[in-house]
Structure formats: structure tokens, C-alpha cells
Amino acid sequence: MSLIYKIGIAVVLMLLSRPGFASQCDSDSQLAQVQSYFNAIDKIFRSGSTVEDIDNFLSLTHEKVQYVHTEYSANFNKKTWREAFLRQLNKGSYQNKEDNQARILNSIIGKNHAAIEYSYGMIQKDGSWKSGTAYFALFGFTDGKISLIKEYW
């Protein structure tokens, strides 16, 4: 291996190991993670969803994730959030169909946070998507993963 190649690898490894660099989550990554969040939660909300769907959804989040819903006084960590999903799954609450879909309407990306306006809507017979009520949530990111979801509706 050439000396230049070894030096290049060493520089990259040093940069990746810096706490400030490793904990940053760039805007493209943030938006992609939020979209993955909504895709995964859509899957949970569908009829026939499974415990595996819940676990796959939660795998997108940081170990110390916090879900807060201000209107409903919800404040979950990863464990209690999973338990809440399981209660709803066992009650048969998730009955959406394939044409139910959440979409991001607007976003403002900041340092390790994203303000997201989104809506749960329906895909119409002509393929268009019809928006429902618009909602607002703040997403936080730690170590490149979603660590905060704070709903404001």
C-alpha cells in the first residue's frame, strides 16, 4: 500500500472519529431519515402490520429517542413507545390500507433538527395524492439517528 494511500485513510479515520463530525447529521440525511420514519410508520398503521414492523420502525431511531406529543401529554422513551405501539397493534387499531400515505409538505432544516409539516393523505384512483389535515413536528438527531420527535398538534 502506498504511503499516500495510508495517509489518506488515516486522515479520513481521524475526521470520522471527531465527536463534532460524527454527531452531525446533514440536511439531506435528516430529510431522508424523516421520510424513512413516515414510510415505516405508514407500514405500522396498515391492516396486517406486525411486531416486526414496529421493531423495524424503532430501529430507525436513536437508543435514547424521545417521542413527545404536546396535545396528548405523551412522553415516551424507546421502550415505552414500543409498548404503546404493541398495545394498539393488539387492540386491532391499525386498519389503514395501502392507499393511506403520509407525506412531507414542507421542511426547515437546522443544525441537528428539522421542522416538518406533514399530512396523512390518500392516493386517489387517478394516482394523485389527496392531503388530509396538515400537522407539525420537530425532529432532533443525535449520532446521525432520529433522537427526538415532538408533535405540535
N, C-alpha and C. Protein backbone atom coordinates (compact mmCIF):
# COMPACT_ATOMS: atom_id res chain seq x y z
N MET A 1 0.85 -1.17 0.00
CA MET A 1 0.00 0.00 0.00
C MET A 1 0.90 1.23 0.00
N SER A 2 0.58 2.20 -0.84
CA SER A 2 1.43 3.38 -0.94
C SER A 2 1.28 4.26 0.29
N LEU A 3 2.29 5.05 0.55
CA LEU A 3 2.31 5.95 1.69
C LEU A 3 1.19 6.98 1.59
N ILE A 4 0.94 7.50 0.41
CA ILE A 4 -0.12 8.50 0.22
C ILE A 4 -1.49 7.89 0.55
N TYR A 5 -1.71 6.67 0.11
CA TYR A 5 -2.96 5.97 0.39
C TYR A 5 -3.14 5.79 1.89
N LYS A 6 -2.09 5.39 2.59
CA LYS A 6 -2.15 5.19 4.05
C LYS A 6 -2.44 6.51 4.77
N ILE A 7 -1.80 7.57 4.31
CA ILE A 7 -2.03 8.89 4.92
C ILE A 7 -3.48 9.32 4.69
N GLY A 8 -3.98 9.09 3.49
CA GLY A 8 -5.37 9.43 3.17
C GLY A 8 -6.36 8.70 4.07
N ILE A 9 -6.14 7.41 4.26
CA ILE A 9 -7.01 6.63 5.14
C ILE A 9 -6.92 7.15 6.57
N ALA A 10 -5.72 7.46 7.03
CA ALA A 10 -5.54 7.98 8.39
C ALA A 10 -6.29 9.29 8.59
N VAL A 11 -6.22 10.18 7.60
CA VAL A 11 -6.92 11.48 7.70
C VAL A 11 -8.43 11.26 7.76
N VAL A 12 -8.96 10.41 6.91
CA VAL A 12 -10.41 10.13 6.91
C VAL A 12 -10.83 9.54 8.25
N LEU A 13 -10.08 8.59 8.77
CA LEU A 13 -10.42 7.99 10.06
C LEU A 13 -10.36 9.01 11.19
N MET A 14 -9.40 9.91 11.15
CA MET A 14 -9.31 10.96 12.17
C MET A 14 -10.53 11.87 12.10
N LEU A 15 -10.93 12.25 10.90
CA LEU A 15 -12.10 13.11 10.76
C LEU A 15 -13.37 12.42 11.25
N LEU A 16 -13.54 11.17 10.89
CA LEU A 16 -14.73 10.44 11.30
C LEU A 16 -14.79 10.21 12.80
N SER A 17 -13.65 10.18 13.46
CA SER A 17 -13.63 9.92 14.90
C SER A 17 -13.86 11.17 15.72
N ARG A 18 -13.81 12.34 15.10
CA ARG A 18 -14.04 13.59 15.84
C ARG A 18 -15.49 13.65 16.29
N PRO A 19 -15.76 13.91 17.58
CA PRO A 19 -17.13 13.94 18.09
C PRO A 19 -18.03 14.90 17.34
N GLY A 20 -17.56 16.09 17.03
CA GLY A 20 -18.38 17.06 16.32
C GLY A 20 -18.75 16.60 14.94
N PHE A 21 -17.85 15.94 14.27
CA PHE A 21 -18.10 15.45 12.92
C PHE A 21 -19.04 14.26 12.95
N ALA A 22 -18.78 13.33 13.85
CA ALA A 22 -19.56 12.10 13.91
C ALA A 22 -21.00 12.34 14.34
N SER A 23 -21.23 13.36 15.17
CA SER A 23 -22.58 13.57 15.69
C SER A 23 -23.43 14.47 14.80
N GLN A 24 -22.85 15.09 13.79
CA GLN A 24 -23.61 15.94 12.89
C GLN A 24 -24.48 15.09 11.98
N CYS A 25 -25.57 15.65 11.59
CA CYS A 25 -26.48 14.98 10.66
C CYS A 25 -26.84 16.01 9.60
N ASP A 26 -26.30 15.86 8.38
CA ASP A 26 -26.51 16.89 7.37
C ASP A 26 -27.96 16.93 6.89
N SER A 27 -28.31 18.01 6.22
CA SER A 27 -29.71 18.26 5.86
C SER A 27 -30.29 17.17 4.95
N ASP A 28 -29.52 16.68 3.99
CA ASP A 28 -30.03 15.61 3.12
C ASP A 28 -30.31 14.36 3.93
N SER A 29 -29.41 14.04 4.84
CA SER A 29 -29.59 12.86 5.69
C SER A 29 -30.80 13.03 6.60
N GLN A 30 -30.97 14.23 7.16
CA GLN A 30 -32.11 14.47 8.05
C GLN A 30 -33.43 14.25 7.31
N LEU A 31 -33.56 14.86 6.15
CA LEU A 31 -34.80 14.73 5.39
C LEU A 31 -35.04 13.28 4.96
N ALA A 32 -34.00 12.58 4.57
CA ALA A 32 -34.13 11.17 4.19
C ALA A 32 -34.58 10.33 5.39
N GLN A 33 -34.04 10.63 6.56
CA GLN A 33 -34.43 9.88 7.75
C GLN A 33 -35.88 10.15 8.13
N VAL A 34 -36.31 11.40 8.01
CA VAL A 34 -37.70 11.72 8.32
C VAL A 34 -38.63 11.02 7.32
N GLN A 35 -38.25 10.98 6.06
CA GLN A 35 -39.07 10.27 5.07
C GLN A 35 -39.13 8.78 5.40
N SER A 36 -38.01 8.20 5.79
CA SER A 36 -38.00 6.78 6.20
C SER A 36 -38.88 6.56 7.42
N TYR A 37 -38.87 7.52 8.35
CA TYR A 37 -39.73 7.47 9.53
C TYR A 37 -41.20 7.37 9.10
N PHE A 38 -41.62 8.25 8.19
CA PHE A 38 -43.02 8.24 7.76
C PHE A 38 -43.35 6.98 6.96
N ASN A 39 -42.44 6.51 6.12
CA ASN A 39 -42.68 5.26 5.39
C ASN A 39 -42.88 4.10 6.36
N ALA A 40 -42.04 4.04 7.39
CA ALA A 40 -42.13 2.94 8.36
C ALA A 40 -43.38 3.05 9.22
N ILE A 41 -43.75 4.25 9.60
CA ILE A 41 -44.96 4.40 10.43
C ILE A 41 -46.21 4.12 9.60
N ASP A 42 -46.17 4.45 8.30
CA ASP A 42 -47.28 4.07 7.41
C ASP A 42 -47.48 2.56 7.45
N LYS A 43 -46.39 1.83 7.42
CA LYS A 43 -46.46 0.36 7.43
C LYS A 43 -47.08 -0.15 8.73
N ILE A 44 -46.74 0.46 9.85
CA ILE A 44 -47.32 0.07 11.14
C ILE A 44 -48.83 0.32 11.14
N PHE A 45 -49.25 1.45 10.61
CA PHE A 45 -50.66 1.85 10.66
C PHE A 45 -51.55 1.02 9.73
N ARG A 46 -50.95 0.21 8.85
CA ARG A 46 -51.74 -0.58 7.91
C ARG A 46 -52.29 -1.85 8.56
N SER A 47 -53.43 -2.26 8.09
CA SER A 47 -54.02 -3.53 8.50
C SER A 47 -53.03 -4.65 8.19
N GLY A 48 -52.86 -5.55 9.12
CA GLY A 48 -51.93 -6.66 8.92
C GLY A 48 -50.51 -6.37 9.34
N SER A 49 -50.28 -5.20 9.95
CA SER A 49 -48.92 -4.88 10.40
C SER A 49 -48.51 -5.83 11.53
N THR A 50 -47.21 -5.91 11.78
CA THR A 50 -46.67 -6.90 12.72
C THR A 50 -45.74 -6.25 13.74
N VAL A 51 -45.37 -7.05 14.73
CA VAL A 51 -44.37 -6.61 15.71
C VAL A 51 -43.06 -6.28 15.00
N GLU A 52 -42.74 -7.04 13.97
CA GLU A 52 -41.52 -6.78 13.20
C GLU A 52 -41.55 -5.39 12.56
N ASP A 53 -42.73 -4.97 12.09
CA ASP A 53 -42.86 -3.62 11.52
C ASP A 53 -42.55 -2.56 12.57
N ILE A 54 -43.03 -2.78 13.79
CA ILE A 54 -42.77 -1.85 14.90
C ILE A 54 -41.28 -1.81 15.20
N ASP A 55 -40.66 -2.98 15.29
CA ASP A 55 -39.23 -3.04 15.60
C ASP A 55 -38.39 -2.43 14.47
N ASN A 56 -38.79 -2.65 13.22
CA ASN A 56 -38.08 -2.03 12.10
C ASN A 56 -38.19 -0.51 12.17
N PHE A 57 -39.37 -0.02 12.50
CA PHE A 57 -39.57 1.42 12.67
C PHE A 57 -38.66 1.97 13.77
N LEU A 58 -38.67 1.33 14.92
CA LEU A 58 -37.87 1.82 16.05
C LEU A 58 -36.38 1.70 15.79
N SER A 59 -35.97 0.81 14.90
CA SER A 59 -34.54 0.68 14.58
C SER A 59 -34.02 1.92 13.86
N LEU A 60 -34.92 2.74 13.34
CA LEU A 60 -34.52 3.99 12.68
C LEU A 60 -34.15 5.07 13.69
N THR A 61 -34.46 4.83 14.96
CA THR A 61 -34.28 5.85 15.98
C THR A 61 -33.09 5.56 16.88
N HIS A 62 -32.61 6.61 17.50
CA HIS A 62 -31.50 6.54 18.46
C HIS A 62 -31.96 5.76 19.69
N GLU A 63 -31.03 5.12 20.37
CA GLU A 63 -31.37 4.35 21.58
C GLU A 63 -32.04 5.22 22.64
N LYS A 64 -31.72 6.50 22.67
CA LYS A 64 -32.29 7.40 23.67
C LYS A 64 -33.36 8.31 23.05
N VAL A 65 -34.08 7.79 22.06
CA VAL A 65 -35.12 8.57 21.41
C VAL A 65 -36.19 8.98 22.42
N GLN A 66 -36.75 10.14 22.16
CA GLN A 66 -37.86 10.63 22.97
C GLN A 66 -38.97 11.07 22.01
N TYR A 67 -40.18 10.54 22.24
CA TYR A 67 -41.35 10.94 21.47
C TYR A 67 -42.25 11.73 22.41
N VAL A 68 -42.55 12.96 22.02
CA VAL A 68 -43.39 13.84 22.83
C VAL A 68 -44.54 14.33 21.97
N HIS A 69 -45.75 14.21 22.50
CA HIS A 69 -46.92 14.78 21.83
C HIS A 69 -47.55 15.75 22.81
N THR A 70 -47.42 17.04 22.53
CA THR A 70 -47.84 18.07 23.48
C THR A 70 -49.34 18.05 23.76
N GLU A 71 -50.15 17.82 22.76
CA GLU A 71 -51.61 17.85 22.94
C GLU A 71 -52.11 16.68 23.79
N TYR A 72 -51.49 15.52 23.65
CA TYR A 72 -51.96 14.32 24.34
C TYR A 72 -51.11 13.97 25.56
N SER A 73 -50.23 14.86 25.94
CA SER A 73 -49.34 14.65 27.10
C SER A 73 -48.58 13.33 27.01
N ALA A 74 -48.23 12.93 25.80
CA ALA A 74 -47.43 11.71 25.61
C ALA A 74 -45.96 12.06 25.73
N ASN A 75 -45.22 11.21 26.40
CA ASN A 75 -43.78 11.40 26.55
C ASN A 75 -43.16 10.01 26.70
N PHE A 76 -42.72 9.45 25.57
CA PHE A 76 -42.23 8.08 25.53
C PHE A 76 -40.73 8.02 25.28
N ASN A 77 -40.07 7.07 25.92
CA ASN A 77 -38.73 6.68 25.51
C ASN A 77 -38.90 5.49 24.56
N LYS A 78 -37.83 4.91 24.10
CA LYS A 78 -37.93 3.83 23.10
C LYS A 78 -38.76 2.65 23.62
N LYS A 79 -38.51 2.26 24.86
CA LYS A 79 -39.21 1.11 25.44
C LYS A 79 -40.70 1.38 25.60
N THR A 80 -41.05 2.53 26.18
CA THR A 80 -42.47 2.82 26.41
C THR A 80 -43.20 3.12 25.10
N TRP A 81 -42.49 3.66 24.12
CA TRP A 81 -43.10 3.89 22.81
C TRP A 81 -43.43 2.57 22.14
N ARG A 82 -42.51 1.61 22.22
CA ARG A 82 -42.75 0.27 21.66
C ARG A 82 -43.96 -0.36 22.33
N GLU A 83 -44.04 -0.25 23.66
CA GLU A 83 -45.17 -0.81 24.39
C GLU A 83 -46.49 -0.18 23.93
N ALA A 84 -46.49 1.12 23.69
CA ALA A 84 -47.69 1.81 23.22
C ALA A 84 -48.10 1.30 21.83
N PHE A 85 -47.13 1.13 20.93
CA PHE A 85 -47.42 0.57 19.61
C PHE A 85 -47.99 -0.84 19.74
N LEU A 86 -47.39 -1.65 20.60
CA LEU A 86 -47.87 -3.03 20.77
C LEU A 86 -49.29 -3.08 21.31
N ARG A 87 -49.62 -2.20 22.26
CA ARG A 87 -50.99 -2.14 22.78
C ARG A 87 -51.98 -1.86 21.65
N GLN A 88 -51.65 -0.88 20.82
CA GLN A 88 -52.54 -0.53 19.71
C GLN A 88 -52.63 -1.66 18.68
N LEU A 89 -51.50 -2.31 18.42
CA LEU A 89 -51.49 -3.44 17.48
C LEU A 89 -52.39 -4.56 18.00
N ASN A 90 -52.25 -4.89 19.29
CA ASN A 90 -53.03 -5.97 19.89
C ASN A 90 -54.52 -5.64 19.97
N LYS A 91 -54.86 -4.36 20.05
CA LYS A 91 -56.27 -3.94 20.06
C LYS A 91 -56.86 -3.92 18.65
N GLY A 92 -56.03 -4.08 17.64
CA GLY A 92 -56.51 -4.04 16.26
C GLY A 92 -56.74 -2.63 15.76
N SER A 93 -56.06 -1.67 16.34
CA SER A 93 -56.27 -0.26 15.99
C SER A 93 -55.74 0.12 14.62
N TYR A 94 -54.77 -0.60 14.12
CA TYR A 94 -54.14 -0.24 12.85
C TYR A 94 -54.89 -0.88 11.70
N GLN A 95 -55.64 -0.07 10.96
CA GLN A 95 -56.51 -0.59 9.90
C GLN A 95 -56.35 0.15 8.57
N ASN A 96 -55.32 0.97 8.43
CA ASN A 96 -55.13 1.69 7.16
C ASN A 96 -54.89 0.72 6.02
N LYS A 97 -55.14 1.20 4.82
CA LYS A 97 -54.91 0.41 3.61
C LYS A 97 -53.67 0.94 2.90
N GLU A 98 -53.29 0.27 1.82
CA GLU A 98 -52.10 0.64 1.05
C GLU A 98 -52.17 2.07 0.50
N ASP A 99 -53.39 2.56 0.26
CA ASP A 99 -53.51 3.90 -0.32
C ASP A 99 -53.43 5.02 0.71
N ASN A 100 -53.36 4.68 2.00
CA ASN A 100 -53.10 5.69 3.03
C ASN A 100 -51.60 5.97 3.04
N GLN A 101 -51.23 7.24 3.03
CA GLN A 101 -49.81 7.56 2.96
C GLN A 101 -49.53 8.93 3.57
N ALA A 102 -48.51 8.98 4.43
CA ALA A 102 -48.04 10.25 4.98
C ALA A 102 -47.03 10.86 4.02
N ARG A 103 -47.07 12.17 3.91
CA ARG A 103 -46.10 12.87 3.07
C ARG A 103 -45.63 14.14 3.75
N ILE A 104 -44.38 14.47 3.50
CA ILE A 104 -43.82 15.72 3.98
C ILE A 104 -44.27 16.83 3.05
N LEU A 105 -44.86 17.87 3.62
CA LEU A 105 -45.33 19.00 2.82
C LEU A 105 -44.28 20.11 2.75
N ASN A 106 -43.65 20.40 3.88
CA ASN A 106 -42.62 21.44 3.96
C ASN A 106 -41.62 21.06 5.03
N SER A 107 -40.41 21.58 4.89
CA SER A 107 -39.39 21.31 5.90
C SER A 107 -38.46 22.50 6.04
N ILE A 108 -38.00 22.68 7.26
CA ILE A 108 -36.94 23.64 7.55
C ILE A 108 -35.88 22.86 8.29
N ILE A 109 -34.69 22.81 7.72
CA ILE A 109 -33.60 22.02 8.28
C ILE A 109 -32.65 22.94 9.02
N GLY A 110 -32.31 22.56 10.25
CA GLY A 110 -31.36 23.31 11.05
C GLY A 110 -30.28 22.37 11.57
N LYS A 111 -29.46 22.87 12.44
CA LYS A 111 -28.37 22.07 12.99
C LYS A 111 -28.96 20.96 13.86
N ASN A 112 -28.87 19.74 13.37
CA ASN A 112 -29.34 18.54 14.06
C ASN A 112 -30.83 18.57 14.40
N HIS A 113 -31.60 19.39 13.70
CA HIS A 113 -33.05 19.45 13.88
C HIS A 113 -33.72 19.70 12.54
N ALA A 114 -34.96 19.25 12.44
CA ALA A 114 -35.76 19.51 11.24
C ALA A 114 -37.19 19.79 11.68
N ALA A 115 -37.73 20.92 11.24
CA ALA A 115 -39.13 21.25 11.45
C ALA A 115 -39.89 20.73 10.23
N ILE A 116 -40.88 19.90 10.47
CA ILE A 116 -41.56 19.20 9.38
C ILE A 116 -43.06 19.47 9.42
N GLU A 117 -43.60 19.94 8.31
CA GLU A 117 -45.04 19.99 8.12
C GLU A 117 -45.39 18.76 7.29
N TYR A 118 -46.35 17.98 7.76
CA TYR A 118 -46.69 16.74 7.06
C TYR A 118 -48.19 16.51 7.11
N SER A 119 -48.63 15.54 6.33
CA SER A 119 -50.04 15.21 6.30
C SER A 119 -50.20 13.72 6.01
N TYR A 120 -51.24 13.15 6.61
CA TYR A 120 -51.66 11.81 6.23
C TYR A 120 -52.73 11.99 5.16
N GLY A 121 -52.53 11.36 4.03
CA GLY A 121 -53.46 11.53 2.92
C GLY A 121 -53.78 10.20 2.26
N MET A 122 -54.46 10.30 1.13
CA MET A 122 -54.89 9.12 0.39
C MET A 122 -54.46 9.23 -1.06
N ILE A 123 -53.98 8.12 -1.58
CA ILE A 123 -53.70 8.03 -3.01
C ILE A 123 -55.03 7.77 -3.71
N GLN A 124 -55.36 8.61 -4.67
CA GLN A 124 -56.64 8.53 -5.37
C GLN A 124 -56.56 7.53 -6.52
N LYS A 125 -57.71 7.20 -7.08
CA LYS A 125 -57.76 6.23 -8.18
C LYS A 125 -56.95 6.68 -9.39
N ASP A 126 -56.83 8.00 -9.58
CA ASP A 126 -56.06 8.52 -10.71
C ASP A 126 -54.56 8.60 -10.40
N GLY A 127 -54.16 8.15 -9.20
CA GLY A 127 -52.75 8.16 -8.82
C GLY A 127 -52.31 9.40 -8.07
N SER A 128 -53.16 10.41 -8.06
CA SER A 128 -52.80 11.63 -7.31
C SER A 128 -52.95 11.37 -5.81
N TRP A 129 -52.36 12.24 -5.03
CA TRP A 129 -52.41 12.11 -3.57
C TRP A 129 -53.22 13.26 -3.02
N LYS A 130 -54.22 12.95 -2.20
CA LYS A 130 -55.06 13.98 -1.59
C LYS A 130 -54.66 14.12 -0.13
N SER A 131 -54.23 15.31 0.21
CA SER A 131 -53.76 15.62 1.56
C SER A 131 -54.92 15.67 2.54
N GLY A 132 -54.63 15.25 3.76
CA GLY A 132 -55.56 15.44 4.86
C GLY A 132 -55.12 16.68 5.63
N THR A 133 -55.40 16.71 6.91
CA THR A 133 -55.01 17.82 7.78
C THR A 133 -53.49 17.90 7.85
N ALA A 134 -52.97 19.11 7.82
CA ALA A 134 -51.52 19.31 7.95
C ALA A 134 -51.14 19.34 9.43
N TYR A 135 -50.02 18.71 9.75
CA TYR A 135 -49.50 18.65 11.12
C TYR A 135 -48.07 19.16 11.14
N PHE A 136 -47.59 19.45 12.35
CA PHE A 136 -46.23 19.95 12.53
C PHE A 136 -45.51 19.10 13.58
N ALA A 137 -44.26 18.75 13.29
CA ALA A 137 -43.42 18.02 14.24
C ALA A 137 -41.98 18.52 14.13
N LEU A 138 -41.31 18.50 15.25
CA LEU A 138 -39.88 18.82 15.30
C LEU A 138 -39.12 17.52 15.50
N PHE A 139 -38.15 17.28 14.63
CA PHE A 139 -37.30 16.09 14.73
C PHE A 139 -35.90 16.54 15.16
N GLY A 140 -35.32 15.80 16.09
CA GLY A 140 -33.95 16.03 16.51
C GLY A 140 -33.10 14.84 16.13
N PHE A 141 -31.81 15.06 15.96
CA PHE A 141 -30.89 14.00 15.53
C PHE A 141 -29.67 13.97 16.42
N THR A 142 -29.29 12.77 16.84
CA THR A 142 -28.09 12.55 17.64
C THR A 142 -27.34 11.38 17.02
N ASP A 143 -26.05 11.53 16.86
CA ASP A 143 -25.22 10.46 16.28
C ASP A 143 -25.79 9.96 14.95
N GLY A 144 -26.38 10.87 14.18
CA GLY A 144 -26.87 10.51 12.86
C GLY A 144 -28.19 9.77 12.84
N LYS A 145 -28.90 9.70 13.99
CA LYS A 145 -30.19 9.00 14.04
C LYS A 145 -31.24 9.91 14.66
N ILE A 146 -32.49 9.62 14.39
CA ILE A 146 -33.59 10.39 14.98
C ILE A 146 -33.59 10.16 16.49
N SER A 147 -33.51 11.25 17.26
CA SER A 147 -33.47 11.13 18.72
C SER A 147 -34.62 11.88 19.39
N LEU A 148 -35.35 12.68 18.63
CA LEU A 148 -36.48 13.43 19.18
C LEU A 148 -37.55 13.58 18.12
N ILE A 149 -38.77 13.29 18.52
CA ILE A 149 -39.93 13.61 17.70
C ILE A 149 -40.87 14.34 18.64
N LYS A 150 -41.14 15.59 18.35
CA LYS A 150 -42.03 16.39 19.19
C LYS A 150 -43.17 16.89 18.32
N GLU A 151 -44.35 16.34 18.55
CA GLU A 151 -45.54 16.68 17.78
C GLU A 151 -46.22 17.91 18.38
N TYR A 152 -46.66 18.81 17.52
CA TYR A 152 -47.35 20.02 17.95
C TYR A 152 -48.70 20.12 17.26
N TRP A 153 -49.58 19.22 17.56
CA TRP A 153 -50.94 19.30 17.03
C TRP A 153 -51.91 18.67 18.00
